[in-house]
C-alpha atoms as a PDB file:
ATOM      1  CA  MET A   1      17.637 -16.027   1.671  1.00  0.00           C
ATOM      2  CA  LYS A   2      15.441 -19.202   2.207  1.00  0.00           C
ATOM      3  CA  ARG A   3      15.488 -18.346   5.866  1.00  0.00           C
ATOM      4  CA  ILE A   4      14.005 -14.440   4.872  1.00  0.00           C
ATOM      5  CA  LEU A   5      11.302 -16.332   2.380  1.00  0.00           C
ATOM      6  CA  ILE A   6       9.835 -18.508   5.608  1.00  0.00           C
ATOM      7  CA  LEU A   7       9.823 -15.712   7.761  1.00  0.00           C
ATOM      8  CA  PHE A   8       7.881 -13.166   5.101  1.00  0.00           C
ATOM      9  CA  THR A   9       5.306 -16.259   4.414  1.00  0.00           C
ATOM     10  CA  GLY A  10       4.614 -16.763   7.704  1.00  0.00           C
ATOM     11  CA  ILE A  11       4.287 -13.232   8.747  1.00  0.00           C
ATOM     12  CA  VAL A  12       2.289 -12.888   5.985  1.00  0.00           C
ATOM     13  CA  LEU A  13       0.534 -16.250   6.385  1.00  0.00           C
ATOM     14  CA  SER A  14      -0.572 -15.152  10.195  1.00  0.00           C
ATOM     15  CA  PHE A  15      -1.836 -11.502   8.957  1.00  0.00           C
ATOM     16  CA  GLN A  16      -4.107 -12.968   6.836  1.00  0.00           C
ATOM     17  CA  LEU A  17      -4.914 -16.291   9.293  1.00  0.00           C
ATOM     18  CA  PHE A  18      -5.806 -14.120  12.215  1.00  0.00           C
ATOM     19  CA  SER A  19      -8.151 -10.999  10.110  1.00  0.00           C
ATOM     20  CA  GLN A  20     -10.261 -10.546   7.989  1.00  0.00           C
ATOM     21  CA  GLY A  21      -9.197  -8.035   4.913  1.00  0.00           C
ATOM     22  CA  THR A  22      -7.594  -8.708   1.838  1.00  0.00           C
ATOM     23  CA  LEU A  23      -3.409  -8.007   0.916  1.00  0.00           C
ATOM     24  CA  MET A  24      -2.897  -7.216  -1.681  1.00  0.00           C
ATOM     25  CA  LEU A  25       0.552  -6.982  -2.735  1.00  0.00           C
ATOM     26  CA  VAL A  26       2.995  -6.305  -5.881  1.00  0.00           C
ATOM     27  CA  GLY A  27       6.570  -6.021  -6.547  1.00  0.00           C
ATOM     28  CA  GLY A  28       8.096  -2.655  -8.168  1.00  0.00           C
ATOM     29  CA  GLY A  29       7.818  -2.116 -12.051  1.00  0.00           C
ATOM     30  CA  THR A  30       7.391   0.539 -14.013  1.00  0.00           C
ATOM     31  CA  GLU A  31       3.718   0.833 -14.628  1.00  0.00           C
ATOM     32  CA  ARG A  32       0.984  -0.115 -17.345  1.00  0.00           C
ATOM     33  CA  THR A  33      -1.783   0.873 -18.333  1.00  0.00           C
ATOM     34  CA  GLY A  34      -4.424  -1.287 -19.968  1.00  0.00           C
ATOM     35  CA  GLU A  35      -6.292  -4.560 -20.491  1.00  0.00           C
ATOM     36  CA  ASP A  36      -3.004  -6.408 -20.965  1.00  0.00           C
ATOM     37  CA  ALA A  37      -1.277  -5.240 -18.600  1.00  0.00           C
ATOM     38  CA  TRP A  38       1.287  -7.078 -15.479  1.00  0.00           C
ATOM     39  CA  ASN A  39      -0.394  -4.788 -13.040  1.00  0.00           C
ATOM     40  CA  PHE A  40      -4.084  -5.349 -14.359  1.00  0.00           C
ATOM     41  CA  GLU A  41      -5.207  -8.415 -13.089  1.00  0.00           C
ATOM     42  CA  PRO A  42      -4.052  -7.811  -9.766  1.00  0.00           C
ATOM     43  CA  TYR A  43      -5.496  -4.094  -8.705  1.00  0.00           C
ATOM     44  CA  ARG A  44      -8.527  -5.280 -10.385  1.00  0.00           C
ATOM     45  CA  LYS A  45      -8.909  -7.881  -8.178  1.00  0.00           C
ATOM     46  CA  ALA A  46      -8.335  -5.882  -5.537  1.00  0.00           C
ATOM     47  CA  VAL A  47     -10.847  -3.037  -6.635  1.00  0.00           C
ATOM     48  CA  ALA A  48     -13.370  -6.516  -6.691  1.00  0.00           C
ATOM     49  CA  TYR A  49     -12.099  -7.548  -2.956  1.00  0.00           C
ATOM     50  CA  SER A  50     -12.990  -4.094  -1.735  1.00  0.00           C
ATOM     51  CA  THR A  51     -16.670  -3.035  -0.753  1.00  0.00           C
ATOM     52  CA  ASN A  52     -17.700  -0.049  -2.307  1.00  0.00           C
ATOM     53  CA  LYS A  53     -15.226   0.058  -4.710  1.00  0.00           C
ATOM     54  CA  ARG A  54     -13.435   3.194  -3.267  1.00  0.00           C
ATOM     55  CA  VAL A  55      -9.211   3.745  -3.623  1.00  0.00           C
ATOM     56  CA  ALA A  56      -7.476   5.545  -1.433  1.00  0.00           C
ATOM     57  CA  ILE A  57      -4.248   6.211  -3.208  1.00  0.00           C
ATOM     58  CA  ILE A  58      -1.381   6.648  -0.184  1.00  0.00           C
ATOM     59  CA  ALA A  59       2.246   8.289  -1.510  1.00  0.00           C
ATOM     60  CA  TRP A  60       4.824  10.600  -0.181  1.00  0.00           C
ATOM     61  CA  GLY A  61       4.888  12.599  -3.006  1.00  0.00           C
ATOM     62  CA  ALA A  62       2.610  15.031  -5.317  1.00  0.00           C
ATOM     63  CA  GLU A  63       0.049  13.219  -7.962  1.00  0.00           C
ATOM     64  CA  SER A  64       2.525  13.676 -11.466  1.00  0.00           C
ATOM     65  CA  ASP A  65      -0.433  12.997 -13.763  1.00  0.00           C
ATOM     66  CA  SER A  66      -3.790  11.536 -13.330  1.00  0.00           C
ATOM     67  CA  TRP A  67      -2.873   8.011 -15.262  1.00  0.00           C
ATOM     68  CA  LEU A  68      -3.165   5.697 -11.565  1.00  0.00           C
ATOM     69  CA  ARG A  69      -6.972   7.207 -10.379  1.00  0.00           C
ATOM     70  CA  ASP A  70      -7.991   7.442 -14.464  1.00  0.00           C
ATOM     71  CA  TYR A  71      -6.337   3.559 -14.367  1.00  0.00           C
ATOM     72  CA  PHE A  72      -8.344   2.752 -11.664  1.00  0.00           C
ATOM     73  CA  THR A  73     -11.771   4.246 -12.176  1.00  0.00           C
ATOM     74  CA  GLY A  74     -12.004   3.404 -16.211  1.00  0.00           C
ATOM     75  CA  THR A  75     -10.315   0.119 -16.187  1.00  0.00           C
ATOM     76  CA  CYS A  76     -10.117  -1.330 -12.926  1.00  0.00           C
ATOM     77  CA  ASN A  77     -14.023  -0.776 -12.046  1.00  0.00           C
ATOM     78  CA  ALA A  78     -13.060   1.141  -8.930  1.00  0.00           C
ATOM     79  CA  ASN A  79     -15.984   4.126  -7.863  1.00  0.00           C
ATOM     80  CA  THR A  80     -13.370   6.223  -7.419  1.00  0.00           C
ATOM     81  CA  ALA A  81     -10.229   6.874  -7.065  1.00  0.00           C
ATOM     82  CA  LYS A  82      -8.121   9.515  -4.759  1.00  0.00           C
ATOM     83  CA  HIS A  83      -4.261  10.555  -4.638  1.00  0.00           C
ATOM     84  CA  PHE A  84      -2.509  11.242  -0.687  1.00  0.00           C
ATOM     85  CA  ASP A  85       0.419  13.479  -0.702  1.00  0.00           C
ATOM     86  CA  PHE A  86       1.017  12.565   3.116  1.00  0.00           C
ATOM     87  CA  SER A  87       4.571  14.389   2.388  1.00  0.00           C
ATOM     88  CA  ILE A  88       2.366  18.286   2.704  1.00  0.00           C
ATOM     89  CA  ILE A  89      -0.153  16.831   5.272  1.00  0.00           C
ATOM     90  CA  ASP A  90       0.899  18.021   8.420  1.00  0.00           C
ATOM     91  CA  PRO A  91       1.103  15.410  11.261  1.00  0.00           C
ATOM     92  CA  SER A  92      -1.709  17.434  13.380  1.00  0.00           C
ATOM     93  CA  ASP A  93      -4.013  16.628  10.890  1.00  0.00           C
ATOM     94  CA  TYR A  94      -4.069  12.769  10.650  1.00  0.00           C
ATOM     95  CA  ASN A  95      -6.838  12.369  12.821  1.00  0.00           C
ATOM     96  CA  THR A  96      -9.170  14.409   9.973  1.00  0.00           C
ATOM     97  CA  MET A  97      -7.436  11.997   7.283  1.00  0.00           C
ATOM     98  CA  TYR A  98      -8.457   8.633   9.635  1.00  0.00           C
ATOM     99  CA  ASP A  99     -11.163   9.616   8.929  1.00  0.00           C
ATOM    100  CA  SER A 100     -11.534   9.731   5.671  1.00  0.00           C
ATOM    101  CA  LEU A 101      -8.853   7.094   4.629  1.00  0.00           C
ATOM    102  CA  MET A 102     -11.968   5.141   6.707  1.00  0.00           C
ATOM    103  CA  THR A 103     -14.304   6.362   3.997  1.00  0.00           C
ATOM    104  CA  TYR A 104     -12.552   3.960   1.389  1.00  0.00           C
ATOM    105  CA  ASP A 105     -12.026   0.317   2.017  1.00  0.00           C
ATOM    106  CA  MET A 106      -8.885  -0.364  -0.478  1.00  0.00           C
ATOM    107  CA  TYR A 107      -5.751   1.857   0.266  1.00  0.00           C
ATOM    108  CA  PHE A 108      -3.015   1.595  -2.711  1.00  0.00           C
ATOM    109  CA  PHE A 109       0.293   2.651  -1.452  1.00  0.00           C
ATOM    110  CA  LYS A 110       2.947   3.550  -4.002  1.00  0.00           C
ATOM    111  CA  GLY A 111       6.372   3.245  -4.031  1.00  0.00           C
ATOM    112  CA  GLY A 112       8.828   5.306  -3.709  1.00  0.00           C
ATOM    113  CA  ASP A 113      10.857   5.823  -0.567  1.00  0.00           C
ATOM    114  CA  GLN A 114      10.311   3.139   2.177  1.00  0.00           C
ATOM    115  CA  ASN A 115      11.915   5.358   4.320  1.00  0.00           C
ATOM    116  CA  ASP A 116       9.472   8.015   4.164  1.00  0.00           C
ATOM    117  CA  TYR A 117       6.343   5.240   5.114  1.00  0.00           C
ATOM    118  CA  TYR A 118       8.121   4.119   7.329  1.00  0.00           C
ATOM    119  CA  SER A 119       9.643   6.764   9.914  1.00  0.00           C
ATOM    120  CA  ASN A 120       7.166   8.976   8.945  1.00  0.00           C
ATOM    121  CA  PHE A 121       3.481   6.426   9.603  1.00  0.00           C
ATOM    122  CA  LYS A 122       4.841   4.180  12.321  1.00  0.00           C
ATOM    123  CA  ASN A 123       2.927   4.432  15.392  1.00  0.00           C
ATOM    124  CA  THR A 124       0.953   6.946  13.994  1.00  0.00           C
ATOM    125  CA  VAL A 125      -3.194   7.187  13.869  1.00  0.00           C
ATOM    126  CA  ILE A 126      -2.552   6.778  10.321  1.00  0.00           C
ATOM    127  CA  ALA A 127      -0.776   3.697  10.818  1.00  0.00           C
ATOM    128  CA  ASP A 128      -3.851   2.481  13.086  1.00  0.00           C
ATOM    129  CA  ALA A 129      -6.396   3.486   9.837  1.00  0.00           C
ATOM    130  CA  ILE A 130      -4.016   0.721   7.878  1.00  0.00           C
ATOM    131  CA  THR A 131      -4.792  -2.180  10.545  1.00  0.00           C
ATOM    132  CA  ASP A 132      -7.958  -0.859  11.973  1.00  0.00           C
ATOM    133  CA  LYS A 133      -9.411  -1.442   7.524  1.00  0.00           C
ATOM    134  CA  TYR A 134      -7.951  -3.952   7.433  1.00  0.00           C
ATOM    135  CA  ASN A 135      -9.888  -5.623  10.345  1.00  0.00           C
ATOM    136  CA  GLU A 136     -12.970  -4.012   9.245  1.00  0.00           C
ATOM    137  CA  GLY A 137     -12.362  -6.032   5.877  1.00  0.00           C
ATOM    138  CA  GLY A 138     -11.107  -3.677   3.785  1.00  0.00           C
ATOM    139  CA  VAL A 139      -7.920  -3.980   1.017  1.00  0.00           C
ATOM    140  CA  ILE A 140      -4.258  -2.801   1.820  1.00  0.00           C
ATOM    141  CA  SER A 141      -2.456  -3.103  -1.212  1.00  0.00           C
ATOM    142  CA  GLY A 142       1.094  -1.569  -2.540  1.00  0.00           C
ATOM    143  CA  THR A 143       3.960  -1.640  -5.248  1.00  0.00           C
ATOM    144  CA  SER A 144       7.371  -1.599  -4.449  1.00  0.00           C
ATOM    145  CA  ALA A 145       8.251   0.314  -1.510  1.00  0.00           C
ATOM    146  CA  GLY A 146       4.346   0.668  -0.689  1.00  0.00           C
ATOM    147  CA  MET A 147       4.394  -3.366  -0.338  1.00  0.00           C
ATOM    148  CA  ALA A 148       7.317  -3.202   1.578  1.00  0.00           C
ATOM    149  CA  ILE A 149       6.129  -1.189   4.058  1.00  0.00           C
ATOM    150  CA  LEU A 150       3.090  -3.850   4.951  1.00  0.00           C
ATOM    151  CA  SER A 151       5.324  -6.185   6.374  1.00  0.00           C
ATOM    152  CA  SER A 152       5.866  -6.018  10.268  1.00  0.00           C
ATOM    153  CA  VAL A 153       9.732  -6.498   9.488  1.00  0.00           C
ATOM    154  CA  MET A 154      10.860  -4.563   6.953  1.00  0.00           C
ATOM    155  CA  TYR A 155      14.350  -3.055   5.330  1.00  0.00           C
ATOM    156  CA  THR A 156      14.288   0.831   5.998  1.00  0.00           C
ATOM    157  CA  ALA A 157      17.001   2.336   3.927  1.00  0.00           C
ATOM    158  CA  SER A 158      17.548   4.791   6.890  1.00  0.00           C
ATOM    159  CA  ASN A 159      20.724   3.961   7.521  1.00  0.00           C
ATOM    160  CA  GLY A 160      21.911   3.178   4.453  1.00  0.00           C
ATOM    161  CA  THR A 161      21.841   0.177   1.630  1.00  0.00           C
ATOM    162  CA  VAL A 162      23.214  -2.677   1.788  1.00  0.00           C
ATOM    163  CA  TYR A 163      24.110  -5.372  -1.741  1.00  0.00           C
ATOM    164  CA  PRO A 164      24.349  -8.556  -1.638  1.00  0.00           C
ATOM    165  CA  TYR A 165      27.611  -9.656  -1.188  1.00  0.00           C
ATOM    166  CA  GLU A 166      28.159  -6.984   1.832  1.00  0.00           C
ATOM    167  CA  ALA A 167      25.366  -9.453   3.227  1.00  0.00           C
ATOM    168  CA  ILE A 168      26.555 -12.600   2.520  1.00  0.00           C
END
């Protein structure tokens, strides 16, 4: 476990030392709203670090309601927040999506199945957009699976899962 923590810390620190953007990584959990919610402070700070305060909520799935967009704009001071459902976007349209994403200064990756993100974004112009925005000083953020995919080394669960007693 220590080795994994050291590796993760090294990756995050090297990413931070040699680039211009900001990472906001938050573990999974039930999302809450309001200024007393666990996610208020990190989300508000991420928006504050964003130059134009435009948040692209990137998800692999439909938006069930507008609460997250409303939370970013109404409570966390974003100027605008838009949900992008990549499960319905044809990869041939990724170049157009690149242009659209580059108009936002904060990318927020929602939770879900990290293998969906990994297998569909790896080696695509969407992965380039993430890197390019970060190198321009943008904020890259995520929670749960949306956090897990931001590492260069990740567990995708593409071949099932492993339990701690099996890993040991």
